[in-house]
Amino acid sequence: MGSSSGLDKEKIVKEITDRFTQLLATINQKDVTLWEKYYSRDEFISTVAGGIYFATRSDWVRTIRSNFSMRDTQHLELREVQVIPLTPETALLTSQERVDIQLKSGQATKSVHIFTILWKKGQEGWQIVHSHESWLDEPAKW
């Protein structure tokens, strides 16, 4: 094990980082069917995005489906990620991405996006049970 507390921290960090990278690739594809598989069906707690609270998984999926449908393209580029293993079955991830979105209406935005995600490992692997997203809808300064 990775430490005296029984956590294999390096393994958890790698698994969560890999899973998150896959999630970002799915977001970039705008594939809601694949995207929603990252969110737990059985243990979903909630999501907060842009100050809006979603208490049910179905409301969250419906909102993302609508958002993706309005976008011509979107690209999240990972800038920073940190994973903190909490227990052998839970971990906290924080990240920062640069986001470029082109809406079907022609409007384009460049933003700084931040995730805070609580992951839980179950029979289907690591899944999101709670997430929080924030962004600055102004040109990112990189």
Protein backbone atom coordinates (compact mmCIF):
# COMPACT_ATOMS: atom_id res chain seq x y z
CA MET A 1 0.00 0.00 0.00
CA GLY A 2 1.01 3.58 -0.62
CA SER A 3 0.93 4.76 2.99
CA SER A 4 0.35 3.65 6.56
CA SER A 5 -3.32 4.66 6.28
CA GLY A 6 -3.92 1.89 3.74
CA LEU A 7 -4.29 4.24 0.77
CA ASP A 8 -2.42 3.47 -2.41
CA LYS A 9 -2.32 7.18 -3.20
CA GLU A 10 -0.27 6.91 -6.39
CA LYS A 11 -2.65 4.33 -7.84
CA ILE A 12 -5.73 6.39 -6.95
CA VAL A 13 -4.21 9.58 -8.37
CA LYS A 14 -3.38 7.80 -11.63
CA GLU A 15 -6.80 6.16 -11.93
CA ILE A 16 -8.70 9.40 -11.26
CA THR A 17 -6.43 11.47 -13.52
CA ASP A 18 -6.89 8.95 -16.34
CA ARG A 19 -10.66 8.87 -15.81
CA PHE A 20 -10.85 12.67 -15.77
CA THR A 21 -8.81 12.93 -18.97
CA GLN A 22 -11.30 10.53 -20.59
CA LEU A 23 -14.18 12.70 -19.31
CA LEU A 24 -12.64 15.81 -20.90
CA ALA A 25 -12.26 13.97 -24.22
CA THR A 26 -15.94 13.03 -24.05
CA ILE A 27 -16.93 16.63 -23.29
CA ASN A 28 -14.92 17.77 -26.31
CA GLN A 29 -16.88 15.29 -28.44
CA LYS A 30 -20.21 16.70 -27.12
CA ASP A 31 -21.41 13.10 -26.64
CA VAL A 32 -23.99 13.21 -23.84
CA THR A 33 -24.52 9.43 -23.90
CA LEU A 34 -20.85 8.82 -23.13
CA TRP A 35 -20.52 11.86 -20.84
CA GLU A 36 -23.33 10.85 -18.51
CA LYS A 37 -21.70 7.47 -17.82
CA TYR A 38 -19.10 9.30 -15.72
CA TYR A 39 -21.84 10.37 -13.26
CA SER A 40 -23.05 7.76 -10.76
CA ARG A 41 -26.59 6.53 -11.27
CA ASP A 42 -26.88 5.07 -7.78
CA GLU A 43 -25.04 7.57 -5.60
CA PHE A 44 -25.46 10.92 -7.35
CA ILE A 45 -25.48 13.66 -4.71
CA SER A 46 -25.71 16.90 -6.67
CA THR A 47 -24.04 19.24 -9.11
CA VAL A 48 -23.50 22.97 -9.01
CA ALA A 49 -22.68 24.71 -12.27
CA GLY A 50 -22.45 28.44 -12.68
CA GLY A 51 -24.33 28.97 -9.43
CA ILE A 52 -27.21 26.69 -10.45
CA TYR A 53 -27.90 23.70 -8.18
CA PHE A 54 -28.98 20.36 -9.64
CA ALA A 55 -30.38 17.94 -7.05
CA THR A 56 -31.11 15.14 -9.50
CA ARG A 57 -28.98 13.41 -12.09
CA SER A 58 -31.79 13.59 -14.65
CA ASP A 59 -32.02 17.41 -14.39
CA TRP A 60 -28.25 17.66 -14.79
CA VAL A 61 -28.16 15.38 -17.84
CA ARG A 62 -31.08 17.25 -19.45
CA THR A 63 -29.25 20.57 -18.97
CA ILE A 64 -26.00 19.28 -20.46
CA ARG A 65 -27.88 17.73 -23.39
CA SER A 66 -29.40 21.15 -24.11
CA ASN A 67 -26.07 22.96 -23.69
CA PHE A 68 -24.22 20.54 -25.99
CA SER A 69 -26.95 20.85 -28.65
CA MET A 70 -26.39 24.63 -28.90
CA ARG A 71 -22.65 24.26 -29.50
CA ASP A 72 -20.97 23.80 -32.83
CA THR A 73 -17.62 22.99 -31.21
CA GLN A 74 -16.11 22.99 -27.76
CA HIS A 75 -12.65 22.27 -26.54
CA LEU A 76 -11.46 21.97 -22.95
CA GLU A 77 -7.69 22.01 -22.61
CA LEU A 78 -6.44 20.79 -19.25
CA ARG A 79 -4.05 23.22 -17.57
CA GLU A 80 -3.88 21.89 -14.03
CA VAL A 81 -5.23 18.92 -12.10
CA GLN A 82 -4.87 17.83 -8.50
CA VAL A 83 -6.23 14.61 -7.02
CA ILE A 84 -6.49 14.09 -3.28
CA PRO A 85 -7.30 10.50 -2.23
CA LEU A 86 -9.63 10.59 0.77
CA THR A 87 -10.28 6.88 1.32
CA PRO A 88 -9.59 3.79 -0.82
CA GLU A 89 -12.99 4.44 -2.48
CA THR A 90 -13.21 8.26 -2.60
CA ALA A 91 -11.09 11.05 -4.02
CA LEU A 92 -11.38 14.79 -4.58
CA LEU A 93 -10.26 16.30 -7.87
CA THR A 94 -9.73 19.97 -8.63
CA SER A 95 -8.77 21.21 -12.07
CA GLN A 96 -8.44 24.20 -14.30
CA GLU A 97 -9.04 24.19 -18.03
CA ARG A 98 -9.02 26.63 -20.88
CA VAL A 99 -12.30 26.39 -22.76
CA ASP A 100 -13.08 27.49 -26.30
CA ILE A 101 -16.74 27.23 -27.34
CA GLN A 102 -18.24 28.06 -30.72
CA LEU A 103 -22.03 28.25 -30.57
CA LYS A 104 -24.21 27.39 -33.56
CA SER A 105 -25.39 31.02 -33.44
CA GLY A 106 -21.85 32.11 -34.32
CA GLN A 107 -20.96 33.44 -30.87
CA ALA A 108 -17.57 32.31 -29.56
CA THR A 109 -16.27 32.34 -26.01
CA LYS A 110 -12.94 31.66 -24.39
CA SER A 111 -13.07 30.94 -20.69
CA VAL A 112 -11.21 29.69 -17.70
CA HIS A 113 -13.09 26.68 -16.31
CA ILE A 114 -12.65 25.07 -12.90
CA PHE A 115 -13.93 21.70 -11.70
CA THR A 116 -14.19 20.35 -8.17
CA ILE A 117 -15.31 16.72 -8.33
CA LEU A 118 -15.93 14.06 -5.70
CA TRP A 119 -15.27 10.61 -7.17
CA LYS A 120 -16.37 7.30 -5.67
CA LYS A 121 -15.14 3.87 -6.70
CA GLY A 122 -17.83 1.25 -7.12
CA GLN A 123 -18.53 -1.83 -9.17
CA GLU A 124 -18.43 0.21 -12.39
CA GLY A 125 -15.15 1.93 -11.47
CA TRP A 126 -14.64 5.57 -10.53
CA GLN A 127 -17.75 7.70 -10.96
CA ILE A 128 -18.72 11.24 -10.06
CA VAL A 129 -21.08 11.60 -7.11
CA HIS A 130 -20.81 15.39 -6.77
CA SER A 131 -19.34 18.12 -8.95
CA HIS A 132 -18.99 21.86 -8.97
CA GLU A 133 -18.09 23.93 -12.03
CA SER A 134 -17.18 27.58 -12.28
CA TRP A 135 -15.87 29.66 -15.14
CA LEU A 136 -14.99 33.17 -16.12
CA ASP A 137 -16.66 34.03 -19.42
CA GLU A 138 -13.98 36.40 -20.53
CA PRO A 139 -10.81 35.84 -22.52
CA ALA A 140 -8.49 33.49 -20.69
CA LYS A 141 -5.04 34.95 -19.99
CA TRP A 142 -2.48 32.23 -20.54
